[in-house]
N, C-alpha and C. Protein backbone atom coordinates (compact mmCIF):
# COMPACT_ATOMS: atom_id res chain seq x y z
N UNK A 1 96.74 85.31 53.95
CA UNK A 1 97.38 85.72 54.89
C UNK A 1 97.13 86.36 56.24
N UNK A 2 95.95 87.34 55.89
CA UNK A 2 94.79 87.58 57.63
C UNK A 2 94.76 86.32 57.97
N UNK A 3 94.44 85.32 57.99
CA UNK A 3 94.24 84.33 58.15
C UNK A 3 95.21 83.72 59.27
N UNK A 4 96.47 83.96 58.64
CA UNK A 4 97.52 83.46 59.39
C UNK A 4 97.96 84.08 60.47
N UNK A 5 97.90 86.01 60.40
CA UNK A 5 97.98 86.62 61.44
C UNK A 5 97.10 86.67 62.87
N UNK A 6 95.26 86.53 62.40
CA UNK A 6 94.95 85.94 63.37
C UNK A 6 94.87 84.65 64.04
N UNK A 7 95.27 83.88 63.59
CA UNK A 7 95.87 82.33 64.13
C UNK A 7 97.27 82.90 65.23
N UNK A 8 97.84 83.61 64.67
CA UNK A 8 99.29 83.73 65.03
C UNK A 8 98.65 84.71 67.04
N UNK A 9 97.75 85.57 66.29
CA UNK A 9 97.65 86.45 67.37
C UNK A 9 96.79 85.59 68.70
N UNK A 10 96.11 84.81 67.96
CA UNK A 10 94.96 83.67 68.95
C UNK A 10 96.20 82.97 69.76
N UNK A 11 96.87 82.44 69.00
CA UNK A 11 98.04 81.83 69.89
C UNK A 11 98.73 82.01 70.91
N UNK A 12 99.10 83.30 70.36
CA UNK A 12 100.20 84.42 71.52
C UNK A 12 99.00 84.84 72.80
N UNK A 13 97.81 85.21 72.21
CA UNK A 13 96.84 85.53 73.73
C UNK A 13 97.19 84.24 74.37
N UNK A 14 97.04 83.30 74.04
CA UNK A 14 96.19 81.58 75.00
C UNK A 14 97.77 81.17 75.49
N UNK A 15 98.88 81.72 75.09
CA UNK A 15 100.32 80.90 75.46
C UNK A 15 101.00 80.77 76.64
N UNK A 16 99.76 82.38 77.01
CA UNK A 16 100.45 82.21 79.28
C UNK A 16 102.16 82.87 78.96
N UNK A 17 102.44 83.70 78.01
CA UNK A 17 103.99 84.58 78.14
C UNK A 17 103.94 85.60 79.16
N UNK A 18 104.84 85.63 79.67
CA UNK A 18 105.03 86.42 80.44
C UNK A 18 105.54 87.52 80.28
N UNK A 19 105.26 88.56 80.41
CA UNK A 19 106.09 89.90 79.67
C UNK A 19 106.37 91.19 80.82
N UNK A 20 107.74 91.66 80.27
CA UNK A 20 107.89 92.35 80.87
C UNK A 20 106.99 93.84 81.22
N UNK A 21 106.50 93.87 82.59
CA UNK A 21 105.40 95.17 82.28
C UNK A 21 106.40 97.06 82.84
N UNK A 22 105.73 97.35 81.97
CA UNK A 22 106.24 99.15 81.94
C UNK A 22 105.99 99.72 83.35
N UNK A 23 107.19 100.32 83.74
CA UNK A 23 107.27 100.97 85.22
C UNK A 23 107.26 102.05 85.31
N UNK A 24 105.95 102.53 85.07
CA UNK A 24 105.41 103.94 85.29
C UNK A 24 106.25 105.17 86.22
N UNK A 25 106.32 104.70 87.53
CA UNK A 25 106.85 105.60 88.57
C UNK A 25 107.02 105.16 89.81
N UNK A 26 107.95 105.09 90.90
CA UNK A 26 108.06 104.68 91.86
C UNK A 26 107.91 106.18 92.71
N UNK A 27 107.03 105.59 93.80
CA UNK A 27 106.41 106.28 95.07
C UNK A 27 106.94 106.24 96.30
N UNK A 28 107.26 107.18 96.98
CA UNK A 28 107.94 106.72 98.16
C UNK A 28 106.38 107.08 99.08
N UNK A 29 106.92 106.21 99.95
CA UNK A 29 105.73 106.14 101.04
C UNK A 29 105.90 107.06 102.68
N UNK A 30 105.17 106.96 103.59
CA UNK A 30 105.54 107.78 105.18
C UNK A 30 106.56 106.53 105.60
N UNK A 31 106.93 105.48 105.25
CA UNK A 31 107.58 104.19 106.09
C UNK A 31 109.07 104.02 104.56
N UNK A 32 110.14 104.78 105.88
CA UNK A 32 111.68 104.16 104.76
C UNK A 32 111.88 103.31 104.18
N UNK A 33 111.37 102.17 104.77
CA UNK A 33 111.67 101.04 104.22
C UNK A 33 110.45 100.43 103.20
N UNK A 34 110.07 100.89 102.31
CA UNK A 34 108.55 100.76 101.76
C UNK A 34 108.73 102.07 100.34
N UNK A 35 107.97 101.60 99.42
CA UNK A 35 107.42 102.09 98.36
C UNK A 35 106.43 101.86 97.70
N UNK A 36 105.73 102.33 96.55
CA UNK A 36 105.06 101.89 95.58
C UNK A 36 105.45 102.22 94.11
N UNK A 37 105.51 101.09 93.82
CA UNK A 37 105.98 100.64 92.19
C UNK A 37 104.79 100.92 91.38
N UNK A 38 104.59 102.00 90.21
CA UNK A 38 103.34 102.06 89.61
C UNK A 38 103.61 101.25 88.31
N UNK A 39 102.32 100.76 88.06
CA UNK A 39 103.08 100.19 86.57
C UNK A 39 102.09 100.57 85.23
N UNK A 40 102.39 100.50 84.13
CA UNK A 40 101.38 100.81 82.87
C UNK A 40 100.78 99.40 82.26
N UNK A 41 100.08 98.81 83.28
CA UNK A 41 98.89 98.38 83.23
C UNK A 41 97.39 98.44 83.76
N UNK A 42 96.69 97.75 83.72
CA UNK A 42 95.61 97.73 84.32
C UNK A 42 94.65 96.57 84.77
N UNK A 43 94.77 96.34 85.95
CA UNK A 43 94.27 95.14 86.69
C UNK A 43 94.88 94.01 86.63
N UNK A 44 96.88 94.09 86.44
CA UNK A 44 96.72 92.82 85.51
C UNK A 44 97.38 91.62 86.71
N UNK A 45 97.79 90.78 86.19
CA UNK A 45 98.00 90.16 87.45
C UNK A 45 99.77 89.54 87.09
N UNK A 46 100.32 90.77 88.52
CA UNK A 46 101.73 91.22 88.11
C UNK A 46 102.63 90.15 89.41
N UNK A 47 103.84 90.32 88.73
CA UNK A 47 104.92 89.26 90.06
C UNK A 47 105.96 91.03 89.98
N UNK A 48 105.92 90.79 91.34
CA UNK A 48 107.53 91.49 91.28
C UNK A 48 108.73 91.01 92.09
N UNK A 49 109.56 91.00 91.42
CA UNK A 49 110.52 90.41 92.56
C UNK A 49 111.75 91.87 92.71
N UNK A 50 112.29 91.99 93.86
CA UNK A 50 113.12 92.91 94.39
C UNK A 50 114.21 92.02 94.56
N UNK A 51 116.04 92.85 94.48
CA UNK A 51 116.63 92.01 94.74
C UNK A 51 117.78 93.02 95.41
N UNK A 52 117.49 92.76 96.66
CA UNK A 52 118.45 94.12 97.94
C UNK A 52 119.53 93.93 98.09
N UNK A 53 120.45 95.11 98.09
CA UNK A 53 121.76 94.91 98.47
C UNK A 53 121.93 96.12 99.44
N UNK A 54 123.14 96.07 99.94
CA UNK A 54 123.52 96.93 100.90
C UNK A 54 123.68 98.18 99.46
N UNK A 55 124.02 98.28 98.41
CA UNK A 55 124.01 99.23 97.64
C UNK A 55 123.45 99.66 96.58
N UNK A 56 121.94 99.06 96.54
CA UNK A 56 121.18 98.91 95.33
C UNK A 56 119.91 97.83 95.87
N UNK A 57 118.92 99.27 95.19
CA UNK A 57 117.55 97.89 95.35
C UNK A 57 117.22 98.07 93.38
N UNK A 58 117.27 96.51 93.31
CA UNK A 58 116.57 95.99 91.57
C UNK A 58 115.61 95.29 91.79
N UNK A 59 114.80 95.88 90.96
CA UNK A 59 113.22 95.78 90.89
C UNK A 59 112.97 94.89 89.54
N UNK A 60 111.90 93.77 89.37
CA UNK A 60 111.40 93.53 87.68
C UNK A 60 109.85 93.47 87.89
N UNK A 61 109.21 93.94 87.31
CA UNK A 61 107.72 93.64 87.46
C UNK A 61 107.65 92.58 86.31
N UNK A 62 106.89 91.65 86.15
CA UNK A 62 105.94 90.95 85.28
C UNK A 62 104.95 90.92 84.97
N UNK A 63 104.46 90.85 83.69
CA UNK A 63 102.26 91.23 83.77
C UNK A 63 102.44 88.90 83.62
N UNK A 64 101.47 88.62 83.92
CA UNK A 64 101.56 87.47 83.57
C UNK A 64 99.92 87.17 82.59
N UNK A 65 99.32 88.89 82.60
CA UNK A 65 98.04 88.28 81.93
C UNK A 65 98.17 87.96 80.28
N UNK A 66 97.11 87.28 79.84
CA UNK A 66 96.76 86.32 78.60
C UNK A 66 96.53 87.58 77.54
N UNK A 67 96.54 88.79 77.41
CA UNK A 67 96.13 89.81 76.77
C UNK A 67 97.09 89.62 75.33
N UNK A 68 96.46 90.30 74.03
CA UNK A 68 96.99 90.57 72.94
C UNK A 68 97.18 92.07 72.86
N UNK A 69 96.67 92.95 73.50
CA UNK A 69 97.05 94.07 72.96
C UNK A 69 97.05 94.35 74.52
N UNK A 70 98.00 95.12 74.98
CA UNK A 70 98.69 95.65 75.97
C UNK A 70 97.65 96.62 76.71
N UNK A 71 97.51 96.64 77.73
CA UNK A 71 96.62 97.73 78.25
C UNK A 71 97.46 99.30 79.79
N UNK A 72 96.67 99.77 80.08
CA UNK A 72 96.91 100.84 81.02
C UNK A 72 97.75 101.93 80.55
N UNK A 73 98.42 103.05 81.14
CA UNK A 73 98.83 103.74 81.02
C UNK A 73 98.25 104.79 81.93
N UNK A 74 98.32 106.43 81.15
CA UNK A 74 97.01 107.41 82.17
C UNK A 74 95.89 107.22 82.26
N UNK A 75 95.32 105.71 81.70
CA UNK A 75 93.84 105.68 81.57
C UNK A 75 93.86 104.93 83.25
N UNK A 76 94.73 103.95 83.47
CA UNK A 76 94.58 103.00 84.06
C UNK A 76 95.74 102.33 84.66
N UNK A 77 96.64 102.50 86.07
CA UNK A 77 97.83 101.82 86.23
C UNK A 77 97.27 100.77 87.81
N UNK A 78 98.40 100.02 87.75
CA UNK A 78 98.48 98.83 88.88
C UNK A 78 99.42 99.62 89.83
N UNK A 79 99.31 99.80 91.00
CA UNK A 79 100.16 99.71 92.04
C UNK A 79 100.34 98.42 93.17
N UNK A 80 101.92 98.62 92.88
CA UNK A 80 102.87 97.25 94.19
C UNK A 80 102.85 98.46 95.62
N UNK A 81 102.65 97.76 96.72
CA UNK A 81 103.70 98.08 97.35
C UNK A 81 104.92 97.44 97.65
N UNK A 82 106.32 98.09 97.57
CA UNK A 82 107.56 96.92 98.20
C UNK A 82 107.68 97.39 99.72
N UNK A 83 108.16 96.19 100.27
CA UNK A 83 108.40 96.21 101.75
C UNK A 83 110.13 95.82 101.49
N UNK A 84 110.75 97.02 102.17
CA UNK A 84 112.59 96.17 101.86
C UNK A 84 112.42 95.61 103.67
N UNK A 85 113.51 95.06 103.58
CA UNK A 85 114.66 94.22 104.92
C UNK A 85 114.87 95.56 105.83
N UNK A 86 115.41 96.92 105.16
CA UNK A 86 115.93 97.31 105.72
C UNK A 86 115.37 98.67 104.97
N UNK A 87 115.92 99.79 105.86
CA UNK A 87 115.11 101.71 105.00
C UNK A 87 115.81 101.73 103.76
N UNK A 88 115.75 101.98 102.93
CA UNK A 88 115.92 102.71 101.36
C UNK A 88 117.13 103.50 102.01
N UNK A 89 117.01 104.57 102.77
CA UNK A 89 118.49 105.33 102.71
C UNK A 89 118.63 105.85 101.26
N UNK A 90 119.68 106.26 101.21
CA UNK A 90 120.45 106.69 99.63
C UNK A 90 120.95 105.53 98.67
N UNK A 91 120.16 104.33 98.37
CA UNK A 91 120.35 103.30 97.99
C UNK A 91 119.50 103.41 96.81
N UNK A 92 120.33 103.66 95.41
CA UNK A 92 119.53 103.72 94.14
C UNK A 92 118.42 102.88 94.10
N UNK A 93 117.21 103.16 93.19
CA UNK A 93 116.42 101.88 92.95
C UNK A 93 116.80 101.54 91.46
N UNK A 94 116.91 100.79 90.97
CA UNK A 94 117.09 100.24 89.26
C UNK A 94 116.64 99.46 88.84
N UNK A 95 115.89 99.25 87.33
CA UNK A 95 114.71 98.17 87.44
C UNK A 95 115.46 97.23 86.80
N UNK A 96 115.28 95.82 86.53
CA UNK A 96 116.46 95.17 86.25
C UNK A 96 116.41 95.00 84.69
N UNK A 97 116.41 95.87 83.72
CA UNK A 97 117.41 96.27 82.64
C UNK A 97 118.09 97.23 82.66
N UNK A 98 118.42 97.70 84.38
CA UNK A 98 119.85 98.26 84.69
C UNK A 98 119.30 99.66 84.36
N UNK A 99 118.19 100.51 84.07
CA UNK A 99 117.97 101.79 84.40
C UNK A 99 117.48 101.88 85.51
N UNK A 100 118.33 103.02 85.82
CA UNK A 100 117.73 103.55 87.08
C UNK A 100 116.28 104.62 87.25
N UNK A 101 115.67 104.51 87.89
CA UNK A 101 114.60 104.82 88.39
C UNK A 101 114.59 105.81 89.67
N UNK A 102 114.27 107.15 89.68
CA UNK A 102 114.18 108.26 90.38
C UNK A 102 112.70 107.92 91.40
N UNK A 103 112.89 107.95 92.69
CA UNK A 103 111.47 108.00 93.56
C UNK A 103 111.03 108.89 93.67
N UNK A 104 109.74 109.43 93.66
CA UNK A 104 109.10 111.15 93.86
C UNK A 104 108.70 110.72 94.85
N UNK A 105 108.99 111.93 95.82
CA UNK A 105 108.67 112.41 97.21
C UNK A 105 107.94 113.14 96.95
N UNK A 106 107.25 113.84 98.09
CA UNK A 106 106.12 114.33 98.55
C UNK A 106 106.22 114.97 100.11
N UNK A 107 105.52 115.86 100.69
CA UNK A 107 105.61 116.06 101.90
C UNK A 107 104.33 114.86 102.52
N UNK A 108 105.00 114.23 103.69
CA UNK A 108 104.50 112.85 103.94
C UNK A 108 103.97 113.11 105.01
N UNK A 109 104.18 114.37 106.17
CA UNK A 109 103.85 114.76 107.52
C UNK A 109 102.65 115.42 107.75
N UNK A 110 101.85 114.58 108.38
CA UNK A 110 100.56 114.84 108.44
C UNK A 110 100.36 116.15 109.35
N UNK A 111 101.02 116.82 110.10
CA UNK A 111 101.30 117.98 110.85
C UNK A 111 101.69 118.97 110.12
N UNK A 112 102.43 118.52 108.95
CA UNK A 112 102.46 119.67 108.44
C UNK A 112 101.60 120.70 107.46
N UNK A 113 101.64 121.98 107.61
CA UNK A 113 100.41 122.65 106.92
C UNK A 113 100.77 122.37 105.19
N UNK A 114 99.25 122.35 104.83
CA UNK A 114 98.88 122.66 103.44
C UNK A 114 99.56 123.90 102.95
N UNK A 115 100.48 123.63 101.50
CA UNK A 115 100.66 124.75 100.99
C UNK A 115 99.46 125.80 100.54
N UNK A 116 98.97 127.00 100.53
CA UNK A 116 97.95 127.55 100.07
C UNK A 116 98.17 127.65 98.19
N UNK A 117 96.87 127.67 97.93
CA UNK A 117 96.56 127.66 96.52
C UNK A 117 95.66 126.56 96.44
């Protein structure tokens, strides 16, 4: 029984199967037509597809790495810059599985004073 599990794990590791990568966060940038996708992978070979329409932006992130145990999370994440054809505006960002994801914004004006603290 143990021998079969080891063989199956080895075959899975070498099969080259692509897997969905977990999107942890979307971060705003200083440009309205760009944002960063933070993914719970660690130095992974990622493919990102973007389907941009007038009403929404849909993203899908795939991990091409051949690993048995997924890595990534709070200790290591990857970032991918997305360049849209038009500014994001008020269009929602959705993941390919249909879930909405909120874009994290923060003060981006370099002339704005830093808050005390």
